[in-house]
Protein backbone atom coordinates (compact mmCIF):
# COMPACT_ATOMS: atom_id res chain seq x y z
CA MET A 1 -18.07 7.95 20.78
CA ALA A 2 -17.21 5.64 17.96
CA ASN A 3 -13.47 6.36 16.40
CA VAL A 4 -14.38 5.97 13.11
CA VAL A 5 -11.81 6.77 10.29
CA ARG A 6 -13.14 7.77 6.81
CA ALA A 7 -10.40 6.18 4.54
CA ALA A 8 -9.85 6.25 1.18
CA LEU A 9 -7.99 4.36 -1.84
CA VAL A 10 -7.25 4.62 -5.54
CA GLN A 11 -7.11 1.97 -8.00
CA ALA A 12 -5.98 3.54 -11.78
CA THR A 13 -5.38 3.05 -15.26
CA TRP A 14 -2.14 4.52 -16.44
CA THR A 15 -2.38 7.68 -18.49
CA GLY A 16 0.88 7.16 -20.37
CA ASP A 17 2.96 10.18 -18.47
CA THR A 18 4.14 10.69 -15.27
CA ALA A 19 2.84 14.57 -14.79
CA SER A 20 -1.16 13.39 -16.01
CA MET A 21 -0.93 10.58 -13.47
CA VAL A 22 0.29 12.61 -10.59
CA ALA A 23 -2.64 15.35 -11.67
CA LYS A 24 -4.91 12.67 -11.99
CA HIS A 25 -4.27 11.07 -8.53
CA GLU A 26 -4.43 14.74 -7.22
CA GLU A 27 -8.19 14.98 -8.37
CA HIS A 28 -9.10 11.92 -6.64
CA ALA A 29 -7.67 12.98 -3.53
CA ARG A 30 -9.65 16.01 -3.54
CA GLU A 31 -12.61 14.21 -4.36
CA ALA A 32 -12.00 12.11 -1.24
CA ALA A 33 -11.57 15.05 0.83
CA ARG A 34 -15.08 16.52 -0.45
CA GLN A 35 -16.20 13.23 0.88
CA GLY A 36 -14.99 13.78 4.30
CA ALA A 37 -11.78 11.24 3.50
CA LYS A 38 -8.88 11.70 6.64
CA VAL A 39 -6.33 9.13 4.72
CA ILE A 40 -5.74 8.23 1.60
CA GLY A 41 -3.38 5.44 -0.76
CA PHE A 42 -2.46 4.93 -4.02
CA GLN A 43 -1.14 1.84 -5.77
CA GLU A 44 2.41 0.56 -6.50
CA VAL A 45 4.74 2.86 -8.15
CA PHE A 46 1.46 5.03 -8.48
CA ASN A 47 3.35 7.93 -10.95
CA ALA A 48 4.72 5.31 -13.27
CA PRO A 49 3.77 2.41 -15.50
CA TYR A 50 4.17 -1.09 -14.41
CA PHE A 51 7.37 -1.15 -16.22
CA CYS A 52 8.76 -4.47 -14.36
CA GLN A 53 7.00 -6.07 -17.19
CA VAL A 54 10.85 -5.65 -18.84
CA GLN A 55 14.11 -5.49 -18.15
CA ASP A 56 15.15 -2.32 -19.80
CA PRO A 57 17.41 0.01 -18.30
CA GLU A 58 15.33 3.25 -19.78
CA HIS A 59 13.17 2.71 -16.65
CA TYR A 60 15.53 3.89 -14.28
CA LYS A 61 14.30 7.35 -15.60
CA TRP A 62 11.16 6.79 -13.23
CA ALA A 63 13.24 6.72 -10.17
CA GLU A 64 13.04 9.44 -7.53
CA PRO A 65 14.64 10.60 -4.19
CA VAL A 66 12.33 10.32 -1.21
CA PRO A 67 11.56 12.41 0.15
CA ASP A 68 13.44 15.47 -1.44
CA GLY A 69 11.74 14.47 -5.01
CA PRO A 70 9.07 16.21 -6.99
CA THR A 71 6.22 13.63 -6.68
CA VAL A 72 6.81 13.33 -2.74
CA THR A 73 7.40 17.18 -2.69
CA ARG A 74 4.11 17.87 -4.41
CA MET A 75 2.26 15.11 -2.55
CA GLN A 76 3.37 17.04 0.70
CA GLU A 77 1.56 20.65 -0.63
CA LEU A 78 -1.66 17.96 -1.42
CA ALA A 79 -1.63 17.00 2.23
CA ARG A 80 -1.12 20.19 3.54
CA GLU A 81 -4.12 21.27 1.10
CA THR A 82 -6.53 18.14 2.09
CA GLY A 83 -5.74 17.57 5.46
CA MET A 84 -5.39 14.01 4.54
CA VAL A 85 -2.55 11.62 5.58
CA ILE A 86 -1.69 10.25 2.15
CA VAL A 87 0.07 7.07 1.38
CA VAL A 88 2.51 7.58 -1.72
CA PRO A 89 4.42 4.61 -3.15
CA VAL A 90 7.03 5.58 -5.68
CA PHE A 91 10.33 4.00 -7.50
CA GLU A 92 12.84 5.71 -5.04
CA VAL A 93 16.73 6.21 -6.01
CA GLU A 94 18.87 6.89 -2.84
CA GLN A 95 22.11 6.77 -4.72
CA SER A 96 23.58 5.99 -7.56
CA GLY A 97 22.62 2.06 -8.17
CA PHE A 98 20.59 2.26 -4.94
CA TYR A 99 17.15 1.36 -6.06
CA PHE A 100 14.33 0.53 -3.89
CA ASN A 101 10.41 -0.07 -4.09
CA THR A 102 9.11 2.63 -1.49
CA ALA A 103 6.05 4.16 -0.22
CA ALA A 104 6.24 7.23 1.46
CA VAL A 105 3.84 8.36 4.52
CA ILE A 106 2.87 12.11 4.24
CA ASP A 107 1.01 13.56 7.67
CA ALA A 108 -2.35 15.67 7.19
CA ASP A 109 -0.30 18.70 7.64
CA GLY A 110 2.17 18.12 5.09
CA THR A 111 4.95 16.40 7.18
CA PHE A 112 7.22 13.92 5.88
CA LEU A 113 7.06 10.83 8.58
CA GLY A 114 9.31 8.33 6.97
CA LYS A 115 9.23 5.64 4.11
CA TYR A 116 9.05 1.78 4.11
CA ARG A 117 10.74 -0.23 1.40
CA LYS A 118 9.51 -3.52 -0.07
CA HIS A 119 11.14 -6.52 1.59
CA HIS A 120 10.03 -8.87 -0.64
CA ILE A 121 11.26 -8.86 -4.59
CA PRO A 122 9.82 -11.05 -7.06
CA GLN A 123 11.58 -12.02 -10.47
CA VAL A 124 9.16 -14.12 -12.25
CA LYS A 125 7.55 -13.64 -15.91
CA GLY A 126 5.61 -10.29 -16.58
CA PHE A 127 7.39 -8.83 -13.00
CA TRP A 128 11.11 -8.71 -12.89
CA GLU A 129 11.55 -6.63 -10.25
CA LYS A 130 14.80 -7.81 -8.87
CA TYR A 131 16.17 -5.94 -12.16
CA TYR A 132 15.40 -2.58 -10.23
CA PHE A 133 14.70 -3.10 -6.53
CA LYS A 134 17.07 -3.60 -3.90
CA PRO A 135 15.01 -5.87 -0.69
CA GLY A 136 13.94 -2.96 1.83
CA ASN A 137 16.22 -2.63 4.63
CA MET A 138 14.41 -0.19 7.05
CA GLY A 139 12.10 -2.75 8.74
CA TRP A 140 8.60 -2.55 9.26
CA PRO A 141 7.49 1.19 10.19
CA VAL A 142 4.58 2.10 11.98
CA PHE A 143 3.72 5.71 11.20
CA ASP A 144 1.44 7.72 14.30
CA THR A 145 -0.54 10.04 12.01
CA ALA A 146 -3.43 12.21 12.33
CA VAL A 147 -5.37 9.41 12.02
CA GLY A 148 -3.82 6.67 14.15
CA LYS A 149 -1.03 4.19 13.46
CA VAL A 150 -0.70 3.65 9.64
CA GLY A 151 1.55 1.16 8.17
CA VAL A 152 2.43 -0.38 4.53
CA TYR A 153 3.29 -3.38 3.09
CA ILE A 154 3.62 -3.43 -0.96
CA CYS A 155 2.23 -6.17 -3.09
CA TYR A 156 4.59 -9.09 -3.30
CA ASP A 157 5.36 -9.11 0.48
CA ARG A 158 1.53 -9.73 1.04
CA HIS A 159 2.40 -13.56 0.50
CA PHE A 160 4.66 -13.31 3.48
CA PRO A 161 3.33 -13.49 6.91
CA GLU A 162 6.00 -12.44 8.98
CA GLY A 163 5.79 -8.73 7.90
CA TRP A 164 2.45 -8.44 8.65
CA ARG A 165 2.60 -9.85 12.03
CA GLN A 166 5.78 -7.60 12.54
CA LEU A 167 3.33 -4.22 11.76
CA GLY A 168 0.98 -5.30 14.25
CA LEU A 169 3.49 -5.82 17.02
CA ASN A 170 4.75 -2.57 16.09
CA GLY A 171 1.09 -0.87 16.54
CA ALA A 172 -0.72 -0.64 13.65
CA GLN A 173 -4.52 -0.01 13.22
CA LEU A 174 -4.15 0.35 9.21
CA VAL A 175 -1.88 -1.06 6.50
CA TYR A 176 -1.81 -0.23 2.85
CA ASN A 177 -1.23 -2.88 0.56
CA PRO A 178 -0.49 -0.81 -2.64
CA SER A 179 -0.08 -3.71 -5.68
CA ALA A 180 0.21 -4.69 -8.92
CA THR A 181 -1.07 -7.80 -9.63
CA SER A 182 -2.54 -9.71 -12.76
CA ARG A 183 -5.93 -11.62 -13.18
CA GLY A 184 -4.00 -14.86 -14.66
CA LEU A 185 -1.11 -15.00 -11.70
CA SER A 186 -2.88 -14.30 -8.66
CA ALA A 187 -6.62 -13.59 -8.70
CA TYR A 188 -7.86 -16.07 -6.81
CA LEU A 189 -5.35 -15.16 -3.90
CA TRP A 190 -6.48 -11.55 -4.07
CA GLN A 191 -9.33 -11.96 -1.88
CA LEU A 192 -8.02 -14.51 0.60
CA GLU A 193 -4.42 -13.46 1.42
CA GLN A 194 -5.51 -9.85 3.01
CA PRO A 195 -8.77 -11.00 4.68
CA ALA A 196 -6.89 -13.45 6.40
CA ALA A 197 -3.96 -11.44 7.24
CA ALA A 198 -6.11 -8.81 8.82
CA VAL A 199 -8.02 -11.66 11.07
CA ALA A 200 -4.56 -12.76 12.37
CA ASN A 201 -3.08 -9.71 13.23
CA GLU A 202 -6.15 -7.74 14.14
CA TYR A 203 -5.69 -4.70 12.05
CA PHE A 204 -7.76 -3.09 9.06
CA ILE A 205 -6.01 -3.53 5.74
CA ALA A 206 -6.78 -1.41 2.45
CA ALA A 207 -5.87 -3.55 -0.44
CA ILE A 208 -4.92 -1.58 -3.86
CA ASN A 209 -4.47 -3.16 -7.12
CA ARG A 210 -3.79 -1.81 -10.54
CA VAL A 211 -6.26 -2.04 -13.14
CA GLY A 212 -6.23 -2.73 -16.74
CA GLN A 213 -3.38 -3.16 -19.35
CA GLU A 214 -0.18 -1.00 -19.88
CA GLU A 215 2.34 -0.78 -22.82
CA TYR A 216 5.16 -2.62 -21.21
CA GLY A 217 3.39 -5.80 -21.60
CA GLU A 218 0.36 -8.16 -21.16
CA ASN A 219 -0.29 -8.34 -17.66
CA ASP A 220 -3.99 -7.95 -16.98
CA PHE A 221 -4.64 -5.76 -13.60
CA TYR A 222 -7.91 -6.55 -12.37
CA GLY A 223 -8.55 -3.87 -9.21
CA THR A 224 -11.02 -5.06 -7.10
CA SER A 225 -9.51 -2.79 -4.64
CA TYR A 226 -11.08 -2.93 -1.30
CA PHE A 227 -10.84 -2.50 3.02
CA VAL A 228 -11.13 -5.34 5.00
CA ASP A 229 -11.62 -5.34 8.33
CA PRO A 230 -10.40 -7.28 11.82
CA ARG A 231 -12.79 -9.82 11.36
CA GLY A 232 -11.80 -10.26 7.82
CA GLN A 233 -14.99 -8.61 6.49
CA PHE A 234 -15.07 -6.35 3.11
CA VAL A 235 -15.95 -2.64 4.37
CA GLY A 236 -18.49 -2.52 1.83
CA GLU A 237 -18.26 -3.99 -2.04
CA THR A 238 -14.92 -3.91 -3.60
CA ALA A 239 -13.83 -1.75 -6.47
CA SER A 240 -14.38 -2.86 -10.39
CA ASP A 241 -12.05 -5.72 -12.02
CA LYS A 242 -11.84 -3.34 -14.94
CA THR A 243 -12.34 0.44 -14.79
CA GLU A 244 -10.99 2.95 -12.11
CA GLU A 245 -11.92 4.15 -9.20
CA LEU A 246 -11.94 5.76 -5.86
CA VAL A 247 -12.98 4.03 -2.74
CA VAL A 248 -13.76 5.74 0.20
CA ARG A 249 -15.04 3.69 3.43
CA ASP A 250 -15.91 4.35 7.26
CA LEU A 251 -13.67 2.27 9.20
CA ASP A 252 -14.65 1.87 13.25
CA PHE A 253 -11.09 1.77 14.79
CA ASP A 254 -12.99 0.69 18.02
CA LEU A 255 -13.25 -2.53 16.31
CA ILE A 256 -9.53 -3.79 16.47
CA GLU A 257 -9.88 -3.59 20.65
CA GLU A 258 -13.03 -5.47 20.42
CA VAL A 259 -11.33 -8.19 18.30
CA ARG A 260 -8.37 -8.38 20.23
CA GLN A 261 -10.37 -8.93 23.41
CA GLN A 262 -12.57 -11.63 22.18
CA TRP A 263 -9.61 -13.86 20.19
CA ALA A 264 -6.64 -12.76 22.06
CA PHE A 265 -4.03 -13.88 19.26
CA TYR A 266 -1.55 -11.34 20.92
CA ARG A 267 -2.13 -12.86 24.14
CA ASP A 268 -1.49 -16.72 23.42
CA ARG A 269 1.56 -15.90 20.69
CA ARG A 270 4.15 -18.08 21.58
CA PRO A 271 7.67 -16.23 20.32
CA ASP A 272 9.65 -18.39 22.72
CA ALA A 273 8.91 -21.09 20.42
CA TYR A 274 9.09 -19.18 17.10
CA GLU A 275 13.55 -19.40 16.68
CA GLY A 276 13.16 -21.81 13.92
CA LEU A 277 11.28 -19.53 12.17
CA VAL A 278 14.10 -17.07 11.12
CA GLN A 279 16.72 -19.73 10.51
CA PRO A 280 17.93 -19.68 6.63
């Protein structure tokens, strides 16, 4: 019997406030559940605008504890209601002065399984993230969920192959990549890097991008979110580049083992020869 997981992602426009943004994602999740989805992921800092277009201390107001903050707690209730695994990217405050770009992973019964903190933090025009976030310090965890082994890699991380590989070595079958990337900066890379990472590491990737323009800058978030399989092929069509969308796709996890037997990339790795890669 095929090991098929029905998975979902949401690319969303900013509503103007956290309460309505969270409520909107709850409705998308309920609709995904009605369509039979068992796992869903949201975009980078989903419950806030992409405030990193500016450097202003007022935006620390978006930060909250993980898992005990209001958004993750509410998403735990939603997971219990829908029976879905949920990947929840938020702005995390650990303690005064310690802020991270984080994604919580919640199991289908509402259990908080853990979190991933973004490792690679950009600091370029329109993406002033070092002003807000410390680099991630919790490694590349893979979570044993009701649908299988799920990992997370956040936005700018996707340009760095080392984390993709570590997630694969840690057993990931599906990696969510919540993002906020703009048309002028990286659109031509968007449908290149994640499919290449899916091939190199032989797992499924859910690539999620915001959509539309927001109040704090000129970034044009271009959506086109998608699922890609271990052969680097899109699972169904990509989402719109202009409008909000819920994407639901069937992922055949048996393809992972098929590809790993056929291409054997993990067999032929040479970690004994890679020492220079981690030298500063």
